[in-house]
PDB file of N, CA and C in Angstrom:
ATOM      1  N   UNK A   1     148.794 153.405 113.892  1.00  0.00           N
ATOM      2  CA  UNK A   1     148.341 153.340 112.510  1.00  0.00           C
ATOM      3  C   UNK A   1     147.643 152.012 112.222  1.00  0.00           C
ATOM      4  N   UNK A   2     148.210 150.908 112.717  1.00  0.00           N
ATOM      5  CA  UNK A   2     147.607 149.597 112.500  1.00  0.00           C
ATOM      6  C   UNK A   2     146.226 149.527 113.154  1.00  0.00           C
ATOM      7  N   UNK A   3     146.089 150.195 114.302  1.00  0.00           N
ATOM      8  CA  UNK A   3     144.819 150.183 115.017  1.00  0.00           C
ATOM      9  C   UNK A   3     143.718 150.829 114.164  1.00  0.00           C
ATOM     10  N   UNK A   4     144.002 151.964 113.543  1.00  0.00           N
ATOM     11  CA  UNK A   4     143.012 152.655 112.709  1.00  0.00           C
ATOM     12  C   UNK A   4     142.682 151.852 111.457  1.00  0.00           C
ATOM     13  N   UNK A   5     143.678 151.214 110.875  1.00  0.00           N
ATOM     14  CA  UNK A   5     143.451 150.375 109.701  1.00  0.00           C
ATOM     15  C   UNK A   5     142.535 149.203 110.068  1.00  0.00           C
ATOM     16  N   UNK A   6     142.772 148.578 111.205  1.00  0.00           N
ATOM     17  CA  UNK A   6     141.944 147.471 111.676  1.00  0.00           C
ATOM     18  C   UNK A   6     140.502 147.930 111.908  1.00  0.00           C
ATOM     19  N   UNK A   7     140.320 149.079 112.535  1.00  0.00           N
ATOM     20  CA  UNK A   7     138.977 149.618 112.776  1.00  0.00           C
ATOM     21  C   UNK A   7     138.276 149.913 111.456  1.00  0.00           C
ATOM     22  N   UNK A   8     138.993 150.447 110.484  1.00  0.00           N
ATOM     23  CA  UNK A   8     138.418 150.733 109.169  1.00  0.00           C
ATOM     24  C   UNK A   8     137.958 149.443 108.486  1.00  0.00           C
ATOM     25  N   UNK A   9     138.769 148.406 108.545  1.00  0.00           N
ATOM     26  CA  UNK A   9     138.405 147.122 107.939  1.00  0.00           C
ATOM     27  C   UNK A   9     137.154 146.551 108.613  1.00  0.00           C
ATOM     28  N   UNK A  10     137.093 146.584 109.935  1.00  0.00           N
ATOM     29  CA  UNK A  10     135.922 146.091 110.670  1.00  0.00           C
ATOM     30  C   UNK A  10     134.677 146.889 110.268  1.00  0.00           C
ATOM     31  N   UNK A  11     134.804 148.205 110.165  1.00  0.00           N
ATOM     32  CA  UNK A  11     133.677 149.052 109.774  1.00  0.00           C
ATOM     33  C   UNK A  11     133.177 148.688 108.378  1.00  0.00           C
ATOM     34  N   UNK A  12     134.068 148.496 107.436  1.00  0.00           N
ATOM     35  CA  UNK A  12     133.685 148.147 106.062  1.00  0.00           C
ATOM     36  C   UNK A  12     132.986 146.790 106.029  1.00  0.00           C
ATOM     37  N   UNK A  13     133.528 145.815 106.742  1.00  0.00           N
ATOM     38  CA  UNK A  13     132.905 144.491 106.782  1.00  0.00           C
ATOM     39  C   UNK A  13     131.521 144.535 107.437  1.00  0.00           C
ATOM     40  N   UNK A  14     131.395 145.269 108.535  1.00  0.00           N
ATOM     41  CA  UNK A  14     130.101 145.372 109.218  1.00  0.00           C
ATOM     42  C   UNK A  14     129.069 146.064 108.337  1.00  0.00           C
ATOM     43  N   UNK A  15     129.483 147.115 107.636  1.00  0.00           N
ATOM     44  CA  UNK A  15     128.569 147.815 106.731  1.00  0.00           C
ATOM     45  C   UNK A  15     128.107 146.893 105.616  1.00  0.00           C
ATOM     46  N   UNK A  16     129.022 146.146 105.027  1.00  0.00           N
ATOM     47  CA  UNK A  16     128.656 145.201 103.975  1.00  0.00           C
ATOM     48  C   UNK A  16     127.701 144.141 104.476  1.00  0.00           C
ATOM     49  N   UNK A  17     127.918 143.659 105.685  1.00  0.00           N
ATOM     50  CA  UNK A  17     127.027 142.656 106.273  1.00  0.00           C
ATOM     51  C   UNK A  17     125.627 143.224 106.483  1.00  0.00           C
ATOM     52  N   UNK A  18     125.532 144.423 107.026  1.00  0.00           N
ATOM     53  CA  UNK A  18     124.224 145.023 107.290  1.00  0.00           C
ATOM     54  C   UNK A  18     123.463 145.340 106.011  1.00  0.00           C
ATOM     55  N   UNK A  19     124.162 145.728 104.965  1.00  0.00           N
ATOM     56  CA  UNK A  19     123.505 146.059 103.700  1.00  0.00           C
ATOM     57  C   UNK A  19     122.917 144.813 103.051  1.00  0.00           C
ATOM     58  N   UNK A  20     123.543 143.661 103.246  1.00  0.00           N
ATOM     59  CA  UNK A  20     123.065 142.437 102.596  1.00  0.00           C
ATOM     60  C   UNK A  20     122.016 141.679 103.405  1.00  0.00           C
ATOM     61  N   UNK A  21     121.687 142.131 104.616  1.00  0.00           N
ATOM     62  CA  UNK A  21     120.641 141.470 105.394  1.00  0.00           C
ATOM     63  C   UNK A  21     119.302 141.597 104.684  1.00  0.00           C
ATOM     64  N   UNK A  22     118.427 140.575 104.771  1.00  0.00           N
ATOM     65  CA  UNK A  22     117.105 140.692 104.159  1.00  0.00           C
ATOM     66  C   UNK A  22     116.343 141.859 104.763  1.00  0.00           C
ATOM     67  N   UNK A  23     115.778 142.675 103.908  1.00  0.00           N
ATOM     68  CA  UNK A  23     115.012 143.817 104.373  1.00  0.00           C
ATOM     69  C   UNK A  23     115.864 144.983 104.805  1.00  0.00           C
ATOM     70  N   UNK A  24     117.156 144.904 104.641  1.00  0.00           N
ATOM     71  CA  UNK A  24     118.027 145.976 105.068  1.00  0.00           C
ATOM     72  C   UNK A  24     117.809 147.268 104.316  1.00  0.00           C
ATOM     73  N   UNK A  25     117.317 147.205 103.098  1.00  0.00           N
ATOM     74  CA  UNK A  25     117.110 148.400 102.296  1.00  0.00           C
ATOM     75  C   UNK A  25     115.662 148.866 102.297  1.00  0.00           C
ATOM     76  N   UNK A  26     114.789 148.243 103.071  1.00  0.00           N
ATOM     77  CA  UNK A  26     113.381 148.587 103.043  1.00  0.00           C
ATOM     78  C   UNK A  26     113.081 149.741 103.982  1.00  0.00           C
ATOM     79  N   UNK A  27     112.164 150.595 103.564  1.00  0.00           N
ATOM     80  CA  UNK A  27     111.706 151.678 104.421  1.00  0.00           C
ATOM     81  C   UNK A  27     110.446 151.220 105.141  1.00  0.00           C
ATOM     82  N   UNK A  28     110.084 151.875 106.238  1.00  0.00           N
ATOM     83  CA  UNK A  28     108.849 151.476 106.929  1.00  0.00           C
ATOM     84  C   UNK A  28     107.623 151.517 106.027  1.00  0.00           C
ATOM     85  N   UNK A  29     107.549 152.473 105.099  1.00  0.00           N
ATOM     86  CA  UNK A  29     106.395 152.554 104.207  1.00  0.00           C
ATOM     87  C   UNK A  29     106.316 151.337 103.295  1.00  0.00           C
ATOM     88  N   UNK A  30     107.439 150.890 102.771  1.00  0.00           N
ATOM     89  CA  UNK A  30     107.404 149.754 101.850  1.00  0.00           C
ATOM     90  C   UNK A  30     107.156 148.443 102.583  1.00  0.00           C
ATOM     91  N   UNK A  31     107.433 148.404 103.861  1.00  0.00           N
ATOM     92  CA  UNK A  31     107.174 147.198 104.634  1.00  0.00           C
ATOM     93  C   UNK A  31     105.698 147.115 105.010  1.00  0.00           C
ATOM     94  N   UNK A  32     105.073 148.222 105.276  1.00  0.00           N
ATOM     95  CA  UNK A  32     103.713 148.248 105.809  1.00  0.00           C
ATOM     96  C   UNK A  32     102.621 148.199 104.741  1.00  0.00           C
ATOM     97  N   UNK A  33     102.972 148.403 103.492  1.00  0.00           N
ATOM     98  CA  UNK A  33     101.983 148.397 102.415  1.00  0.00           C
ATOM     99  C   UNK A  33     102.500 147.566 101.250  1.00  0.00           C
ATOM    100  N   UNK A  34     101.604 146.855 100.593  1.00  0.00           N
ATOM    101  CA  UNK A  34     101.953 146.130  99.371  1.00  0.00           C
ATOM    102  C   UNK A  34     100.957 146.539  98.298  1.00  0.00           C
ATOM    103  N   UNK A  35     101.362 146.384  97.060  1.00  0.00           N
ATOM    104  CA  UNK A  35     100.482 146.704  95.947  1.00  0.00           C
ATOM    105  C   UNK A  35     100.215 145.419  95.181  1.00  0.00           C
ATOM    106  N   UNK A  36      98.939 145.062  95.056  1.00  0.00           N
ATOM    107  CA  UNK A  36      98.519 143.860  94.345  1.00  0.00           C
ATOM    108  C   UNK A  36      97.480 144.283  93.317  1.00  0.00           C
ATOM    109  N   UNK A  37      97.750 143.961  92.056  1.00  0.00           N
ATOM    110  CA  UNK A  37      96.838 144.304  90.957  1.00  0.00           C
ATOM    111  C   UNK A  37      96.452 145.776  91.003  1.00  0.00           C
ATOM    112  N   UNK A  38      97.424 146.628  91.315  1.00  0.00           N
ATOM    113  CA  UNK A  38      97.193 148.066  91.334  1.00  0.00           C
ATOM    114  C   UNK A  38      96.516 148.585  92.588  1.00  0.00           C
ATOM    115  N   UNK A  39      96.170 147.710  93.527  1.00  0.00           N
ATOM    116  CA  UNK A  39      95.501 148.132  94.754  1.00  0.00           C
ATOM    117  C   UNK A  39      96.498 148.137  95.904  1.00  0.00           C
ATOM    118  N   UNK A  40      96.550 149.229  96.644  1.00  0.00           N
ATOM    119  CA  UNK A  40      97.430 149.347  97.803  1.00  0.00           C
ATOM    120  C   UNK A  40      96.745 148.688  99.000  1.00  0.00           C
ATOM    121  N   UNK A  41      97.457 147.746  99.630  1.00  0.00           N
ATOM    122  CA  UNK A  41      96.891 147.002 100.755  1.00  0.00           C
ATOM    123  C   UNK A  41      97.762 147.224 101.986  1.00  0.00           C
ATOM    124  N   UNK A  42      97.123 147.593 103.094  1.00  0.00           N
ATOM    125  CA  UNK A  42      97.833 147.754 104.362  1.00  0.00           C
ATOM    126  C   UNK A  42      98.008 146.370 104.965  1.00  0.00           C
ATOM    127  N   UNK A  43      99.242 146.038 105.341  1.00  0.00           N
ATOM    128  CA  UNK A  43      99.502 144.715 105.904  1.00  0.00           C
ATOM    129  C   UNK A  43     100.125 144.836 107.286  1.00  0.00           C
ATOM    130  N   UNK A  44      99.717 143.941 108.155  1.00  0.00           N
ATOM    131  CA  UNK A  44     100.397 143.759 109.430  1.00  0.00           C
ATOM    132  C   UNK A  44     101.436 142.678 109.197  1.00  0.00           C
ATOM    133  N   UNK A  45     102.649 142.917 109.662  1.00  0.00           N
ATOM    134  CA  UNK A  45     103.730 141.963 109.440  1.00  0.00           C
ATOM    135  C   UNK A  45     103.781 140.932 110.554  1.00  0.00           C
ATOM    136  N   UNK A  46     103.912 139.685 110.182  1.00  0.00           N
ATOM    137  CA  UNK A  46     104.130 138.595 111.137  1.00  0.00           C
ATOM    138  C   UNK A  46     105.546 138.092 110.891  1.00  0.00           C
ATOM    139  N   UNK A  47     106.496 138.637 111.642  1.00  0.00           N
ATOM    140  CA  UNK A  47     107.908 138.307 111.438  1.00  0.00           C
ATOM    141  C   UNK A  47     108.385 137.298 112.481  1.00  0.00           C
ATOM    142  N   UNK A  48     108.048 137.539 113.742  1.00  0.00           N
ATOM    143  CA  UNK A  48     108.518 136.646 114.805  1.00  0.00           C
ATOM    144  C   UNK A  48     107.710 135.350 114.800  1.00  0.00           C
ATOM    145  N   UNK A  49     108.287 134.262 115.315  1.00  0.00           N
ATOM    146  CA  UNK A  49     107.534 133.006 115.397  1.00  0.00           C
ATOM    147  C   UNK A  49     106.239 133.156 116.199  1.00  0.00           C
ATOM    148  N   UNK A  50     106.266 133.990 117.234  1.00  0.00           N
ATOM    149  CA  UNK A  50     105.066 134.202 118.041  1.00  0.00           C
ATOM    150  C   UNK A  50     103.972 134.876 117.221  1.00  0.00           C
ATOM    151  N   UNK A  51     104.345 135.912 116.460  1.00  0.00           N
ATOM    152  CA  UNK A  51     103.367 136.617 115.619  1.00  0.00           C
ATOM    153  C   UNK A  51     102.840 135.699 114.523  1.00  0.00           C
ATOM    154  N   UNK A  52     103.697 134.842 113.983  1.00  0.00           N
ATOM    155  CA  UNK A  52     103.268 133.920 112.933  1.00  0.00           C
ATOM    156  C   UNK A  52     102.317 132.865 113.492  1.00  0.00           C
ATOM    157  N   UNK A  53     102.560 132.413 114.713  1.00  0.00           N
ATOM    158  CA  UNK A  53     101.675 131.434 115.338  1.00  0.00           C
ATOM    159  C   UNK A  53     100.311 132.049 115.628  1.00  0.00           C
ATOM    160  N   UNK A  54     100.303 133.282 116.127  1.00  0.00           N
ATOM    161  CA  UNK A  54      99.039 133.948 116.444  1.00  0.00           C
ATOM    162  C   UNK A  54      98.278 134.317 115.174  1.00  0.00           C
ATOM    163  N   UNK A  55      98.987 134.797 114.167  1.00  0.00           N
ATOM    164  CA  UNK A  55      98.338 135.162 112.911  1.00  0.00           C
ATOM    165  C   UNK A  55      97.188 136.123 113.111  1.00  0.00           C
ATOM    166  N   UNK A  56      96.040 135.796 112.556  1.00  0.00           N
ATOM    167  CA  UNK A  56      94.853 136.645 112.659  1.00  0.00           C
ATOM    168  C   UNK A  56      93.949 136.248 113.826  1.00  0.00           C
ATOM    169  N   UNK A  57      94.389 135.305 114.647  1.00  0.00           N
ATOM    170  CA  UNK A  57      93.573 134.848 115.774  1.00  0.00           C
ATOM    171  C   UNK A  57      93.264 136.013 116.712  1.00  0.00           C
ATOM    172  N   UNK A  58      92.040 136.048 117.186  1.00  0.00           N
ATOM    173  CA  UNK A  58      91.637 137.079 118.137  1.00  0.00           C
ATOM    174  C   UNK A  58      91.114 138.346 117.487  1.00  0.00           C
ATOM    175  N   UNK A  59      91.171 138.436 116.182  1.00  0.00           N
ATOM    176  CA  UNK A  59      90.650 139.621 115.495  1.00  0.00           C
ATOM    177  C   UNK A  59      89.182 139.414 115.175  1.00  0.00           C
ATOM    178  N   UNK A  60      88.453 140.505 115.193  1.00  0.00           N
ATOM    179  CA  UNK A  60      87.027 140.415 114.871  1.00  0.00           C
ATOM    180  C   UNK A  60      86.776 140.612 113.389  1.00  0.00           C
ATOM    181  N   UNK A  61      87.780 141.063 112.651  1.00  0.00           N
ATOM    182  CA  UNK A  61      87.599 141.239 111.212  1.00  0.00           C
ATOM    183  C   UNK A  61      88.748 142.013 110.597  1.00  0.00           C
ATOM    184  N   UNK A  62      88.702 142.125 109.295  1.00  0.00           N
ATOM    185  CA  UNK A  62      89.657 142.916 108.530  1.00  0.00           C
ATOM    186  C   UNK A  62      88.872 143.933 107.714  1.00  0.00           C
ATOM    187  N   UNK A  63      89.355 145.141 107.681  1.00  0.00           N
ATOM    188  CA  UNK A  63      88.730 146.159 106.838  1.00  0.00           C
ATOM    189  C   UNK A  63      89.115 145.918 105.390  1.00  0.00           C
ATOM    190  N   UNK A  64      88.384 146.531 104.491  1.00  0.00           N
ATOM    191  CA  UNK A  64      88.709 146.453 103.067  1.00  0.00           C
ATOM    192  C   UNK A  64      90.126 146.977 102.861  1.00  0.00           C
ATOM    193  N   UNK A  65      90.930 146.242 102.115  1.00  0.00           N
ATOM    194  CA  UNK A  65      92.295 146.677 101.832  1.00  0.00           C
ATOM    195  C   UNK A  65      93.280 146.416 102.953  1.00  0.00           C
ATOM    196  N   UNK A  66      92.983 145.484 103.847  1.00  0.00           N
ATOM    197  CA  UNK A  66      93.895 145.117 104.928  1.00  0.00           C
ATOM    198  C   UNK A  66      94.204 143.633 104.861  1.00  0.00           C
ATOM    199  N   UNK A  67      95.369 143.253 105.395  1.00  0.00           N
ATOM    200  CA  UNK A  67      95.746 141.853 105.428  1.00  0.00           C
ATOM    201  C   UNK A  67      96.931 141.627 106.342  1.00  0.00           C
ATOM    202  N   UNK A  68      97.471 140.424 106.296  1.00  0.00           N
ATOM    203  CA  UNK A  68      98.646 140.078 107.087  1.00  0.00           C
ATOM    204  C   UNK A  68      99.664 139.441 106.166  1.00  0.00           C
ATOM    205  N   UNK A  69     100.910 139.846 106.318  1.00  0.00           N
ATOM    206  CA  UNK A  69     102.001 139.322 105.508  1.00  0.00           C
ATOM    207  C   UNK A  69     102.959 138.578 106.428  1.00  0.00           C
ATOM    208  N   UNK A  70     103.192 137.308 106.125  1.00  0.00           N
ATOM    209  CA  UNK A  70     104.096 136.478 106.917  1.00  0.00           C
ATOM    210  C   UNK A  70     105.479 136.516 106.282  1.00  0.00           C
ATOM    211  N   UNK A  71     106.472 136.950 107.050  1.00  0.00           N
ATOM    212  CA  UNK A  71     107.850 137.064 106.577  1.00  0.00           C
ATOM    213  C   UNK A  71     108.660 135.935 107.202  1.00  0.00           C
ATOM    214  N   UNK A  72     109.174 135.037 106.356  1.00  0.00           N
ATOM    215  CA  UNK A  72     110.016 133.945 106.828  1.00  0.00           C
ATOM    216  C   UNK A  72     111.439 134.216 106.364  1.00  0.00           C
ATOM    217  N   UNK A  73     112.376 134.208 107.297  1.00  0.00           N
ATOM    218  CA  UNK A  73     113.761 134.510 106.964  1.00  0.00           C
ATOM    219  C   UNK A  73     114.490 133.315 106.370  1.00  0.00           C
ATOM    220  N   UNK A  74     113.886 132.133 106.466  1.00  0.00           N
ATOM    221  CA  UNK A  74     114.485 130.957 105.849  1.00  0.00           C
ATOM    222  C   UNK A  74     113.458 130.323 104.908  1.00  0.00           C
ATOM    223  N   UNK A  75     113.939 129.562 103.944  1.00  0.00           N
ATOM    224  CA  UNK A  75     113.048 128.941 102.971  1.00  0.00           C
ATOM    225  C   UNK A  75     112.352 127.746 103.609  1.00  0.00           C
ATOM    226  N   UNK A  76     111.024 127.651 103.390  1.00  0.00           N
ATOM    227  CA  UNK A  76     110.259 126.540 103.942  1.00  0.00           C
ATOM    228  C   UNK A  76     108.960 126.394 103.168  1.00  0.00           C
ATOM    229  N   UNK A  77     108.343 125.252 103.295  1.00  0.00           N
ATOM    230  CA  UNK A  77     107.018 125.018 102.724  1.00  0.00           C
ATOM    231  C   UNK A  77     105.993 125.236 103.824  1.00  0.00           C
ATOM    232  N   UNK A  78     105.010 126.069 103.555  1.00  0.00           N
ATOM    233  CA  UNK A  78     103.964 126.366 104.531  1.00  0.00           C
ATOM    234  C   UNK A  78     102.606 126.073 103.924  1.00  0.00           C
ATOM    235  N   UNK A  79     101.669 125.703 104.767  1.00  0.00           N
ATOM    236  CA  UNK A  79     100.292 125.485 104.330  1.00  0.00           C
ATOM    237  C   UNK A  79      99.359 126.178 105.305  1.00  0.00           C
ATOM    238  N   UNK A  80      98.377 126.843 104.773  1.00  0.00           N
ATOM    239  CA  UNK A  80      97.354 127.447 105.610  1.00  0.00           C
ATOM    240  C   UNK A  80      96.026 127.358 104.889  1.00  0.00           C
ATOM    241  N   UNK A  81      95.034 126.850 105.573  1.00  0.00           N
ATOM    242  CA  UNK A  81      93.697 126.810 105.005  1.00  0.00           C
ATOM    243  C   UNK A  81      93.019 128.139 105.319  1.00  0.00           C
ATOM    244  N   UNK A  82      91.920 128.400 104.671  1.00  0.00           N
ATOM    245  CA  UNK A  82      91.186 129.634 104.952  1.00  0.00           C
ATOM    246  C   UNK A  82      90.684 129.600 106.385  1.00  0.00           C
ATOM    247  N   UNK A  83      90.757 130.742 107.031  1.00  0.00           N
ATOM    248  CA  UNK A  83      90.280 130.869 108.406  1.00  0.00           C
ATOM    249  C   UNK A  83      89.114 131.843 108.417  1.00  0.00           C
ATOM    250  N   UNK A  84      88.033 131.464 109.075  1.00  0.00           N
ATOM    251  CA  UNK A  84      86.865 132.339 109.156  1.00  0.00           C
ATOM    252  C   UNK A  84      87.096 133.451 110.167  1.00  0.00           C
ATOM    253  N   UNK A  85      86.679 134.633 109.792  1.00  0.00           N
ATOM    254  CA  UNK A  85      86.599 135.753 110.713  1.00  0.00           C
ATOM    255  C   UNK A  85      85.117 135.988 110.974  1.00  0.00           C
ATOM    256  N   UNK A  86      84.809 136.889 111.881  1.00  0.00           N
ATOM    257  CA  UNK A  86      83.407 137.212 112.128  1.00  0.00           C
ATOM    258  C   UNK A  86      82.729 137.674 110.848  1.00  0.00           C
ATOM    259  N   UNK A  87      81.451 137.510 110.769  1.00  0.00           N
ATOM    260  CA  UNK A  87      80.616 137.941 109.647  1.00  0.00           C
ATOM    261  C   UNK A  87      80.899 137.149 108.381  1.00  0.00           C
ATOM    262  N   UNK A  88      81.435 135.936 108.512  1.00  0.00           N
ATOM    263  CA  UNK A  88      81.612 135.072 107.358  1.00  0.00           C
ATOM    264  C   UNK A  88      82.712 135.481 106.402  1.00  0.00           C
ATOM    265  N   UNK A  89      83.588 136.406 106.793  1.00  0.00           N
ATOM    266  CA  UNK A  89      84.684 136.817 105.913  1.00  0.00           C
ATOM    267  C   UNK A  89      85.804 135.788 105.993  1.00  0.00           C
ATOM    268  N   UNK A  90      86.563 135.687 104.932  1.00  0.00           N
ATOM    269  CA  UNK A  90      87.695 134.767 104.890  1.00  0.00           C
ATOM    270  C   UNK A  90      88.999 135.528 105.040  1.00  0.00           C
ATOM    271  N   UNK A  91      89.968 134.874 105.608  1.00  0.00           N
ATOM    272  CA  UNK A  91      91.344 135.355 105.595  1.00  0.00           C
ATOM    273  C   UNK A  91      92.133 134.281 104.879  1.00  0.00           C
ATOM    274  N   UNK A  92      92.797 134.622 103.847  1.00  0.00           N
ATOM    275  CA  UNK A  92      93.554 133.627 103.101  1.00  0.00           C
ATOM    276  C   UNK A  92      93.350 133.795 101.621  1.00  0.00           C
ATOM    277  N   UNK A  93      93.484 132.705 100.905  1.00  0.00           N
ATOM    278  CA  UNK A  93      93.420 132.722  99.449  1.00  0.00           C
ATOM    279  C   UNK A  93      92.048 133.085  98.925  1.00  0.00           C
ATOM    280  N   UNK A  94      91.922 133.102  97.615  1.00  0.00           N
ATOM    281  CA  UNK A  94      90.639 133.451  97.012  1.00  0.00           C
ATOM    282  C   UNK A  94      89.570 132.419  97.355  1.00  0.00           C
ATOM    283  N   UNK A  95      88.354 132.877  97.452  1.00  0.00           N
ATOM    284  CA  UNK A  95      87.229 131.996  97.795  1.00  0.00           C
ATOM    285  C   UNK A  95      86.872 131.103  96.641  1.00  0.00           C
TER     286      UNK A  95
END
């Protein structure tokens, strides 16, 4: 009986931990698209440090309504200047 009670407690604690993880309640659709000023934008996620370092490097361009979203699991101050893509397009803040 004690064994089952212990397993139940572990299960409840593990479930609570998983529910409170960042992004634990997100669906793939809500992760892959964001809505800004009523416009739906397809985003590539940069979650890992490697993906964040690479960013948009190596791409020849972005289509209309596409972008990259950087997800940081810890709080930090970041700076990024505009980066040129082919054909004079910008990636980053407003021009």
